[in-house]
C-alpha atoms as a PDB file:
ATOM      1  CA  MET A   1     193.803   0.975 310.358  1.00  0.00           C
ATOM      2  CA  ASN A   2     191.374   3.854 309.987  1.00  0.00           C
ATOM      3  CA  PHE A   3     187.811   2.593 309.657  1.00  0.00           C
ATOM      4  CA  THR A   4     185.385   4.551 307.534  1.00  0.00           C
ATOM      5  CA  ASP A   5     182.129   5.682 309.077  1.00  0.00           C
ATOM      6  CA  ASP A   6     180.319   2.974 307.089  1.00  0.00           C
ATOM      7  CA  GLN A   7     182.716   0.306 308.385  1.00  0.00           C
ATOM      8  CA  ILE A   8     182.271   1.440 311.982  1.00  0.00           C
ATOM      9  CA  GLU A   9     178.515   1.116 311.561  1.00  0.00           C
ATOM     10  CA  ARG A  10     178.706  -2.174 309.632  1.00  0.00           C
ATOM     11  CA  TYR A  11     180.977  -3.884 312.159  1.00  0.00           C
ATOM     12  CA  SER A  12     179.682  -2.101 315.287  1.00  0.00           C
ATOM     13  CA  ARG A  13     178.378  -5.273 316.930  1.00  0.00           C
ATOM     14  CA  HIS A  14     181.815  -6.866 316.564  1.00  0.00           C
ATOM     15  CA  ILE A  15     183.615  -3.765 317.779  1.00  0.00           C
ATOM     16  CA  LEU A  16     181.428  -3.692 320.900  1.00  0.00           C
ATOM     17  CA  LEU A  17     182.708  -7.136 321.919  1.00  0.00           C
ATOM     18  CA  LYS A  18     185.731  -6.825 324.189  1.00  0.00           C
ATOM     19  CA  GLU A  19     187.097 -10.050 322.672  1.00  0.00           C
ATOM     20  CA  VAL A  20     187.010  -8.470 319.202  1.00  0.00           C
ATOM     21  CA  GLY A  21     187.041  -4.668 319.281  1.00  0.00           C
ATOM     22  CA  GLY A  22     188.591  -2.549 316.567  1.00  0.00           C
ATOM     23  CA  ALA A  23     191.851  -4.508 316.634  1.00  0.00           C
ATOM     24  CA  GLY A  24     190.020  -7.778 316.095  1.00  0.00           C
ATOM     25  CA  GLN A  25     187.956  -6.394 313.241  1.00  0.00           C
ATOM     26  CA  GLU A  26     191.172  -5.217 311.638  1.00  0.00           C
ATOM     27  CA  LYS A  27     192.502  -8.793 311.870  1.00  0.00           C
ATOM     28  CA  LEU A  28     189.375 -10.049 310.108  1.00  0.00           C
ATOM     29  CA  LEU A  29     189.679  -7.488 307.323  1.00  0.00           C
ATOM     30  CA  LYS A  30     193.295  -8.534 306.743  1.00  0.00           C
ATOM     31  CA  ALA A  31     192.581 -12.289 306.874  1.00  0.00           C
ATOM     32  CA  LYS A  32     192.340 -14.746 303.997  1.00  0.00           C
ATOM     33  CA  VAL A  33     190.057 -17.792 304.234  1.00  0.00           C
ATOM     34  CA  LEU A  34     189.485 -20.449 301.575  1.00  0.00           C
ATOM     35  CA  ILE A  35     186.132 -22.259 301.391  1.00  0.00           C
ATOM     36  CA  ILE A  36     186.293 -25.551 299.502  1.00  0.00           C
ATOM     37  CA  GLY A  37     182.804 -26.285 298.231  1.00  0.00           C
ATOM     38  CA  ALA A  38     179.968 -23.851 297.510  1.00  0.00           C
ATOM     39  CA  GLY A  39     177.229 -26.302 298.490  1.00  0.00           C
ATOM     40  CA  GLY A  40     175.261 -27.030 301.654  1.00  0.00           C
ATOM     41  CA  LEU A  41     178.095 -26.236 304.073  1.00  0.00           C
ATOM     42  CA  GLY A  42     179.903 -23.683 301.950  1.00  0.00           C
ATOM     43  CA  ALA A  43     176.765 -21.577 301.494  1.00  0.00           C
ATOM     44  CA  PRO A  44     176.245 -20.470 305.136  1.00  0.00           C
ATOM     45  CA  ILE A  45     179.999 -20.360 305.724  1.00  0.00           C
ATOM     46  CA  ALA A  46     180.470 -17.951 302.821  1.00  0.00           C
ATOM     47  CA  LEU A  47     177.565 -15.740 303.867  1.00  0.00           C
ATOM     48  CA  TYR A  48     178.668 -15.410 307.486  1.00  0.00           C
ATOM     49  CA  LEU A  49     182.357 -14.857 306.743  1.00  0.00           C
ATOM     50  CA  ALA A  50     181.489 -12.239 304.149  1.00  0.00           C
ATOM     51  CA  ALA A  51     179.166 -10.495 306.590  1.00  0.00           C
ATOM     52  CA  ALA A  52     181.850 -10.625 309.296  1.00  0.00           C
ATOM     53  CA  GLY A  53     184.290  -8.758 307.080  1.00  0.00           C
ATOM     54  CA  VAL A  54     186.897 -11.418 306.372  1.00  0.00           C
ATOM     55  CA  GLY A  55     188.874  -9.388 303.862  1.00  0.00           C
ATOM     56  CA  THR A  56     189.731 -12.051 301.289  1.00  0.00           C
ATOM     57  CA  LEU A  57     187.528 -15.066 300.731  1.00  0.00           C
ATOM     58  CA  GLY A  58     188.421 -17.747 298.213  1.00  0.00           C
ATOM     59  CA  ILE A  59     185.720 -20.173 297.113  1.00  0.00           C
ATOM     60  CA  ILE A  60     186.258 -23.234 294.948  1.00  0.00           C
ATOM     61  CA  ASP A  61     183.640 -25.460 293.307  1.00  0.00           C
ATOM     62  CA  GLY A  62     183.368 -26.929 289.821  1.00  0.00           C
ATOM     63  CA  ASP A  63     179.580 -27.377 289.743  1.00  0.00           C
ATOM     64  CA  ARG A  64     176.720 -25.279 288.432  1.00  0.00           C
ATOM     65  CA  VAL A  65     173.592 -24.538 290.463  1.00  0.00           C
ATOM     66  CA  ASP A  66     170.953 -27.257 290.139  1.00  0.00           C
ATOM     67  CA  LEU A  67     167.329 -27.094 291.261  1.00  0.00           C
ATOM     68  CA  SER A  68     167.951 -29.896 293.778  1.00  0.00           C
ATOM     69  CA  ASN A  69     170.609 -27.742 295.479  1.00  0.00           C
ATOM     70  CA  LEU A  70     168.199 -25.041 296.597  1.00  0.00           C
ATOM     71  CA  GLN A  71     166.710 -27.086 299.460  1.00  0.00           C
ATOM     72  CA  ARG A  72     169.841 -26.431 301.537  1.00  0.00           C
ATOM     73  CA  GLN A  73     172.366 -24.304 299.611  1.00  0.00           C
ATOM     74  CA  VAL A  74     170.956 -20.985 300.734  1.00  0.00           C
ATOM     75  CA  ILE A  75     173.461 -18.789 298.921  1.00  0.00           C
ATOM     76  CA  HIS A  76     171.921 -19.816 295.574  1.00  0.00           C
ATOM     77  CA  PHE A  77     168.509 -18.666 294.342  1.00  0.00           C
ATOM     78  CA  THR A  78     166.088 -20.102 291.770  1.00  0.00           C
ATOM     79  CA  ALA A  79     167.277 -17.610 289.156  1.00  0.00           C
ATOM     80  CA  ASP A  80     170.822 -18.977 289.589  1.00  0.00           C
ATOM     81  CA  VAL A  81     170.004 -22.454 288.229  1.00  0.00           C
ATOM     82  CA  GLY A  82     172.602 -23.221 285.577  1.00  0.00           C
ATOM     83  CA  VAL A  83     175.047 -20.577 286.832  1.00  0.00           C
ATOM     84  CA  PRO A  84     178.483 -21.675 288.137  1.00  0.00           C
ATOM     85  CA  LYS A  85     178.172 -22.010 291.906  1.00  0.00           C
ATOM     86  CA  VAL A  86     181.239 -19.884 292.585  1.00  0.00           C
ATOM     87  CA  GLU A  87     179.830 -17.001 290.559  1.00  0.00           C
ATOM     88  CA  SER A  88     176.417 -17.279 292.223  1.00  0.00           C
ATOM     89  CA  ALA A  89     178.104 -17.337 295.639  1.00  0.00           C
ATOM     90  CA  LYS A  90     180.391 -14.394 294.853  1.00  0.00           C
ATOM     91  CA  ASP A  91     177.406 -12.283 293.802  1.00  0.00           C
ATOM     92  CA  LYS A  92     175.616 -12.813 297.129  1.00  0.00           C
ATOM     93  CA  MET A  93     178.782 -12.362 299.197  1.00  0.00           C
ATOM     94  CA  LEU A  94     179.491  -8.991 297.608  1.00  0.00           C
ATOM     95  CA  GLN A  95     175.883  -7.927 297.979  1.00  0.00           C
ATOM     96  CA  ILE A  96     176.189  -8.571 301.713  1.00  0.00           C
ATOM     97  CA  ASN A  97     179.553  -6.849 301.993  1.00  0.00           C
ATOM     98  CA  PRO A  98     181.233  -4.917 299.159  1.00  0.00           C
ATOM     99  CA  ASP A  99     184.227  -4.324 301.494  1.00  0.00           C
ATOM    100  CA  ILE A 100     185.632  -7.777 300.812  1.00  0.00           C
ATOM    101  CA  ASN A 101     187.563  -9.417 297.983  1.00  0.00           C
ATOM    102  CA  VAL A 102     186.164 -12.709 296.651  1.00  0.00           C
ATOM    103  CA  ILE A 103     188.432 -14.986 294.610  1.00  0.00           C
ATOM    104  CA  THR A 104     186.653 -17.730 292.670  1.00  0.00           C
ATOM    105  CA  TYR A 105     187.998 -21.047 291.392  1.00  0.00           C
ATOM    106  CA  GLN A 106     185.593 -22.875 289.095  1.00  0.00           C
ATOM    107  CA  ASP A 107     187.331 -26.171 289.598  1.00  0.00           C
ATOM    108  CA  ILE A 108     187.691 -29.041 292.052  1.00  0.00           C
ATOM    109  CA  VAL A 109     190.645 -29.621 294.327  1.00  0.00           C
ATOM    110  CA  TYR A 110     192.918 -32.459 293.307  1.00  0.00           C
ATOM    111  CA  SER A 111     196.454 -33.541 294.038  1.00  0.00           C
ATOM    112  CA  LYS A 112     198.100 -31.294 291.440  1.00  0.00           C
ATOM    113  CA  ASN A 113     196.410 -27.991 292.321  1.00  0.00           C
ATOM    114  CA  ILE A 114     195.473 -27.993 296.005  1.00  0.00           C
ATOM    115  CA  LEU A 115     198.833 -27.034 297.499  1.00  0.00           C
ATOM    116  CA  ASP A 116     199.162 -24.103 295.131  1.00  0.00           C
ATOM    117  CA  ILE A 117     195.631 -22.913 295.944  1.00  0.00           C
ATOM    118  CA  ILE A 118     195.837 -23.141 299.741  1.00  0.00           C
ATOM    119  CA  LYS A 119     199.306 -21.637 300.133  1.00  0.00           C
ATOM    120  CA  ASP A 120     198.137 -18.018 300.320  1.00  0.00           C
ATOM    121  CA  TYR A 121     195.297 -18.555 302.804  1.00  0.00           C
ATOM    122  CA  ASP A 122     195.343 -18.308 306.594  1.00  0.00           C
ATOM    123  CA  PHE A 123     192.575 -20.844 307.230  1.00  0.00           C
ATOM    124  CA  ILE A 124     190.932 -23.528 305.081  1.00  0.00           C
ATOM    125  CA  ILE A 125     187.349 -24.793 305.399  1.00  0.00           C
ATOM    126  CA  ASP A 126     186.270 -28.192 304.085  1.00  0.00           C
ATOM    127  CA  GLY A 127     182.710 -27.924 302.786  1.00  0.00           C
ATOM    128  CA  THR A 128     182.913 -30.952 300.495  1.00  0.00           C
ATOM    129  CA  ASP A 129     180.619 -33.970 300.449  1.00  0.00           C
ATOM    130  CA  ASN A 130     182.865 -36.928 299.599  1.00  0.00           C
ATOM    131  CA  PHE A 131     185.620 -38.837 301.350  1.00  0.00           C
ATOM    132  CA  SER A 132     188.158 -38.479 298.555  1.00  0.00           C
ATOM    133  CA  ALA A 133     188.114 -34.696 298.863  1.00  0.00           C
ATOM    134  CA  LYS A 134     188.142 -34.778 302.654  1.00  0.00           C
ATOM    135  CA  PHE A 135     191.246 -36.958 302.863  1.00  0.00           C
ATOM    136  CA  LEU A 136     192.962 -34.873 300.187  1.00  0.00           C
ATOM    137  CA  ILE A 137     192.188 -31.602 302.007  1.00  0.00           C
ATOM    138  CA  ASN A 138     193.452 -33.053 305.287  1.00  0.00           C
ATOM    139  CA  ASP A 139     196.667 -34.348 303.765  1.00  0.00           C
ATOM    140  CA  ALA A 140     197.371 -31.113 301.903  1.00  0.00           C
ATOM    141  CA  CYS A 141     196.717 -28.960 304.973  1.00  0.00           C
ATOM    142  CA  VAL A 142     198.948 -31.150 307.144  1.00  0.00           C
ATOM    143  CA  MET A 143     201.737 -31.009 304.546  1.00  0.00           C
ATOM    144  CA  ALA A 144     201.396 -27.247 304.166  1.00  0.00           C
ATOM    145  CA  LYS A 145     200.964 -26.708 307.928  1.00  0.00           C
ATOM    146  CA  LYS A 146     197.628 -24.993 307.360  1.00  0.00           C
ATOM    147  CA  PRO A 147     194.799 -24.941 309.926  1.00  0.00           C
ATOM    148  CA  TYR A 148     191.454 -26.132 308.651  1.00  0.00           C
ATOM    149  CA  SER A 149     187.892 -26.984 309.660  1.00  0.00           C
ATOM    150  CA  HIS A 150     186.451 -30.378 308.742  1.00  0.00           C
ATOM    151  CA  GLY A 151     182.707 -30.750 308.365  1.00  0.00           C
ATOM    152  CA  GLY A 152     180.349 -33.504 307.245  1.00  0.00           C
ATOM    153  CA  ILE A 153     176.572 -33.947 307.166  1.00  0.00           C
ATOM    154  CA  LEU A 154     174.235 -36.820 306.287  1.00  0.00           C
ATOM    155  CA  ARG A 155     170.510 -37.302 306.858  1.00  0.00           C
ATOM    156  CA  PHE A 156     169.999 -35.623 310.281  1.00  0.00           C
ATOM    157  CA  ASP A 157     173.588 -35.789 311.537  1.00  0.00           C
ATOM    158  CA  GLY A 158     176.589 -33.508 311.449  1.00  0.00           C
ATOM    159  CA  GLN A 159     180.173 -33.605 312.654  1.00  0.00           C
ATOM    160  CA  THR A 160     183.066 -31.166 312.717  1.00  0.00           C
ATOM    161  CA  PHE A 161     186.499 -30.601 314.215  1.00  0.00           C
ATOM    162  CA  THR A 162     189.322 -28.131 313.703  1.00  0.00           C
ATOM    163  CA  HIS A 163     192.870 -29.128 312.881  1.00  0.00           C
ATOM    164  CA  THR A 164     195.834 -26.926 313.634  1.00  0.00           C
ATOM    165  CA  PRO A 165     199.480 -28.030 313.293  1.00  0.00           C
ATOM    166  CA  GLY A 166     200.482 -30.333 316.120  1.00  0.00           C
ATOM    167  CA  HIS A 167     196.942 -31.517 316.848  1.00  0.00           C
ATOM    168  CA  ALA A 168     194.921 -34.527 315.708  1.00  0.00           C
ATOM    169  CA  CYS A 169     194.145 -34.628 312.008  1.00  0.00           C
ATOM    170  CA  TYR A 170     191.443 -36.426 310.027  1.00  0.00           C
ATOM    171  CA  ARG A 171     193.660 -39.488 309.501  1.00  0.00           C
ATOM    172  CA  CYS A 172     194.340 -39.734 313.228  1.00  0.00           C
ATOM    173  CA  VAL A 173     190.633 -40.558 313.532  1.00  0.00           C
ATOM    174  CA  PHE A 174     189.838 -42.151 310.160  1.00  0.00           C
ATOM    175  CA  LYS A 175     192.959 -43.764 308.762  1.00  0.00           C
ATOM    176  CA  GLU A 176     191.640 -44.218 305.223  1.00  0.00           C
ATOM    177  CA  PRO A 177     188.437 -43.817 303.203  1.00  0.00           C
ATOM    178  CA  PRO A 178     185.737 -46.459 303.739  1.00  0.00           C
ATOM    179  CA  PRO A 179     185.265 -49.156 301.079  1.00  0.00           C
ATOM    180  CA  LYS A 180     183.418 -48.054 297.960  1.00  0.00           C
ATOM    181  CA  ASN A 181     179.620 -47.816 298.513  1.00  0.00           C
ATOM    182  CA  ALA A 182     179.987 -48.552 302.249  1.00  0.00           C
ATOM    183  CA  VAL A 183     178.726 -45.092 303.214  1.00  0.00           C
ATOM    184  CA  PRO A 184     176.070 -43.289 301.141  1.00  0.00           C
ATOM    185  CA  THR A 185     176.408 -39.673 300.070  1.00  0.00           C
ATOM    186  CA  CYS A 186     173.802 -36.998 300.750  1.00  0.00           C
ATOM    187  CA  SER A 187     172.521 -37.412 297.203  1.00  0.00           C
ATOM    188  CA  GLN A 188     171.927 -41.100 297.887  1.00  0.00           C
ATOM    189  CA  ALA A 189     170.651 -41.020 301.476  1.00  0.00           C
ATOM    190  CA  GLY A 190     169.201 -37.502 301.756  1.00  0.00           C
ATOM    191  CA  VAL A 191     169.889 -34.678 304.157  1.00  0.00           C
ATOM    192  CA  LEU A 192     167.677 -32.296 306.131  1.00  0.00           C
ATOM    193  CA  GLY A 193     168.461 -28.917 304.607  1.00  0.00           C
ATOM    194  CA  ALA A 194     168.654 -26.942 307.836  1.00  0.00           C
ATOM    195  CA  ILE A 195     171.462 -29.052 309.308  1.00  0.00           C
ATOM    196  CA  ALA A 196     173.783 -27.696 306.616  1.00  0.00           C
ATOM    197  CA  GLY A 197     173.203 -24.293 308.178  1.00  0.00           C
ATOM    198  CA  MET A 198     173.674 -25.647 311.689  1.00  0.00           C
ATOM    199  CA  LEU A 199     177.061 -27.145 310.902  1.00  0.00           C
ATOM    200  CA  GLY A 200     178.209 -24.454 308.480  1.00  0.00           C
ATOM    201  CA  THR A 201     177.765 -21.727 311.076  1.00  0.00           C
ATOM    202  CA  VAL A 202     179.883 -23.725 313.534  1.00  0.00           C
ATOM    203  CA  GLN A 203     182.640 -23.973 310.926  1.00  0.00           C
ATOM    204  CA  ALA A 204     182.417 -20.253 310.174  1.00  0.00           C
ATOM    205  CA  THR A 205     182.657 -19.522 313.902  1.00  0.00           C
ATOM    206  CA  GLU A 206     185.778 -21.659 314.196  1.00  0.00           C
ATOM    207  CA  ALA A 207     187.399 -19.683 311.372  1.00  0.00           C
ATOM    208  CA  LEU A 208     186.569 -16.365 313.041  1.00  0.00           C
ATOM    209  CA  LYS A 209     187.858 -17.591 316.419  1.00  0.00           C
ATOM    210  CA  TYR A 210     191.098 -18.761 314.837  1.00  0.00           C
ATOM    211  CA  ILE A 211     191.682 -15.424 313.101  1.00  0.00           C
ATOM    212  CA  LEU A 212     190.849 -13.467 316.245  1.00  0.00           C
ATOM    213  CA  GLY A 213     192.821 -15.791 318.534  1.00  0.00           C
ATOM    214  CA  ILE A 214     189.945 -16.137 320.999  1.00  0.00           C
ATOM    215  CA  GLY A 215     188.108 -18.960 322.749  1.00  0.00           C
ATOM    216  CA  ASP A 216     188.697 -22.688 322.545  1.00  0.00           C
ATOM    217  CA  LEU A 217     188.855 -24.229 319.091  1.00  0.00           C
ATOM    218  CA  LEU A 218     187.536 -27.699 318.295  1.00  0.00           C
ATOM    219  CA  THR A 219     191.068 -29.050 318.221  1.00  0.00           C
ATOM    220  CA  ASP A 220     191.387 -32.630 319.471  1.00  0.00           C
ATOM    221  CA  ARG A 221     187.576 -32.674 319.789  1.00  0.00           C
ATOM    222  CA  LEU A 222     184.963 -34.039 317.408  1.00  0.00           C
ATOM    223  CA  LEU A 223     181.634 -32.219 317.773  1.00  0.00           C
ATOM    224  CA  MET A 224     178.653 -34.303 316.663  1.00  0.00           C
ATOM    225  CA  PHE A 225     174.941 -33.639 316.627  1.00  0.00           C
ATOM    226  CA  ASN A 226     171.704 -35.364 315.711  1.00  0.00           C
ATOM    227  CA  ALA A 227     168.971 -32.930 314.731  1.00  0.00           C
ATOM    228  CA  LEU A 228     166.103 -35.384 315.260  1.00  0.00           C
ATOM    229  CA  LYS A 229     166.869 -35.575 318.966  1.00  0.00           C
ATOM    230  CA  MET A 230     168.631 -32.181 318.992  1.00  0.00           C
ATOM    231  CA  ASN A 231     171.444 -33.832 320.871  1.00  0.00           C
ATOM    232  CA  PHE A 232     174.999 -32.443 320.767  1.00  0.00           C
ATOM    233  CA  ARG A 233     178.072 -34.181 322.129  1.00  0.00           C
ATOM    234  CA  SER A 234     181.812 -33.908 321.721  1.00  0.00           C
ATOM    235  CA  VAL A 235     184.377 -36.687 321.760  1.00  0.00           C
ATOM    236  CA  ASN A 236     187.995 -36.085 322.711  1.00  0.00           C
ATOM    237  CA  LEU A 237     190.482 -37.023 320.018  1.00  0.00           C
ATOM    238  CA  LYS A 238     194.100 -38.036 320.403  1.00  0.00           C
ATOM    239  CA  LYS A 239     196.895 -37.334 317.983  1.00  0.00           C
ATOM    240  CA  ASN A 240     197.996 -40.706 316.635  1.00  0.00           C
ATOM    241  CA  PRO A 241     201.788 -41.097 317.023  1.00  0.00           C
ATOM    242  CA  ASN A 242     201.645 -43.502 314.086  1.00  0.00           C
ATOM    243  CA  CYS A 243     199.417 -41.365 311.883  1.00  0.00           C
ATOM    244  CA  PRO A 244     200.390 -41.914 308.234  1.00  0.00           C
ATOM    245  CA  ILE A 245     200.382 -38.166 307.505  1.00  0.00           C
ATOM    246  CA  CYS A 246     200.966 -36.071 310.658  1.00  0.00           C
ATOM    247  CA  SER A 247     203.325 -38.283 312.689  1.00  0.00           C
ATOM    248  CA  ALA A 248     207.048 -37.692 312.989  1.00  0.00           C
ATOM    249  CA  THR A 249     207.621 -40.440 310.409  1.00  0.00           C
ATOM    250  CA  PRO A 250     204.776 -40.129 307.865  1.00  0.00           C
ATOM    251  CA  THR A 251     204.264 -42.873 305.295  1.00  0.00           C
ATOM    252  CA  ILE A 252     202.203 -40.567 303.070  1.00  0.00           C
ATOM    253  CA  THR A 253     204.703 -38.232 301.456  1.00  0.00           C
ATOM    254  CA  GLU A 254     202.823 -37.158 298.341  1.00  0.00           C
ATOM    255  CA  LEU A 255     199.227 -36.318 297.544  1.00  0.00           C
ATOM    256  CA  VAL A 256     197.087 -38.881 295.742  1.00  0.00           C
ATOM    257  CA  ASP A 257     193.638 -38.458 294.227  1.00  0.00           C
ATOM    258  CA  GLY A 258     190.972 -40.861 295.431  1.00  0.00           C
ATOM    259  CA  GLU A 259     188.042 -42.143 293.413  1.00  0.00           C
ATOM    260  CA  LEU A 260     185.222 -39.627 293.152  1.00  0.00           C
ATOM    261  CA  PRO A 261     181.687 -40.892 293.856  1.00  0.00           C
ATOM    262  CA  VAL A 262     179.309 -41.383 290.940  1.00  0.00           C
ATOM    263  CA  CYS A 263     175.593 -40.983 291.713  1.00  0.00           C
ATOM    264  CA  ASP A 264     172.379 -41.041 289.736  1.00  0.00           C
ATOM    265  CA  LEU A 265     171.103 -37.937 291.505  1.00  0.00           C
ATOM    266  CA  LYS A 266     172.722 -34.508 291.618  1.00  0.00           C
ATOM    267  CA  ALA A 267     175.516 -34.355 294.186  1.00  0.00           C
ATOM    268  CA  HIS A 268     176.256 -31.803 296.904  1.00  0.00           C
END
């Protein structure tokens, strides 16, 4: 493709990288990435992918901006309180980079809509904050043979891995959601705002690496960190031959909605 002078200047630091170059930047501009959740993780993911020039970015979230979100959801500003998160996010993404196309879905993913939403995207990013959504995203991506990045944060901890077809999925590691109320959500237990940025940038990097076809993805590896000790470690994962969703003989053959958490405080 023929870059404009503005594009050459905007993406010059990418183009200088031998692993990216002009051909790689062209791949980014032609790519389509879906971000599920415009909260703590989705905020830095959306900002960095927009800045990188990912040509089409979808973002889905059914919530409106709340004052309690601003401690970590850096894509939203005080003036955005009460505005749908997807619209607030789209505004900032286009301010960073008017080159891109942002598609908004003011909704949540559930069993009846997720396959239709993800089908047109090259890579999916899970920025949600509850187990029901995480298992649904995993199952839908496995069924649709879509690569995706899982991410989760709580208190001072974060974890992430990348699934691509043929590699370990979320259910290979966690067969089913924990019992109700066994694990608190961020709105119940708290979360240090900056760790959302720490993990979100890792997820954004995984998406860029996948599109560019460079480096080693976090496939079959769970990356975990604790910000209090600033300790990072990765654990090797194995694809479960008896996994209920990604094995040769899956027992999960249709998508099912789990129970959504109900909290006294604002979620996400």
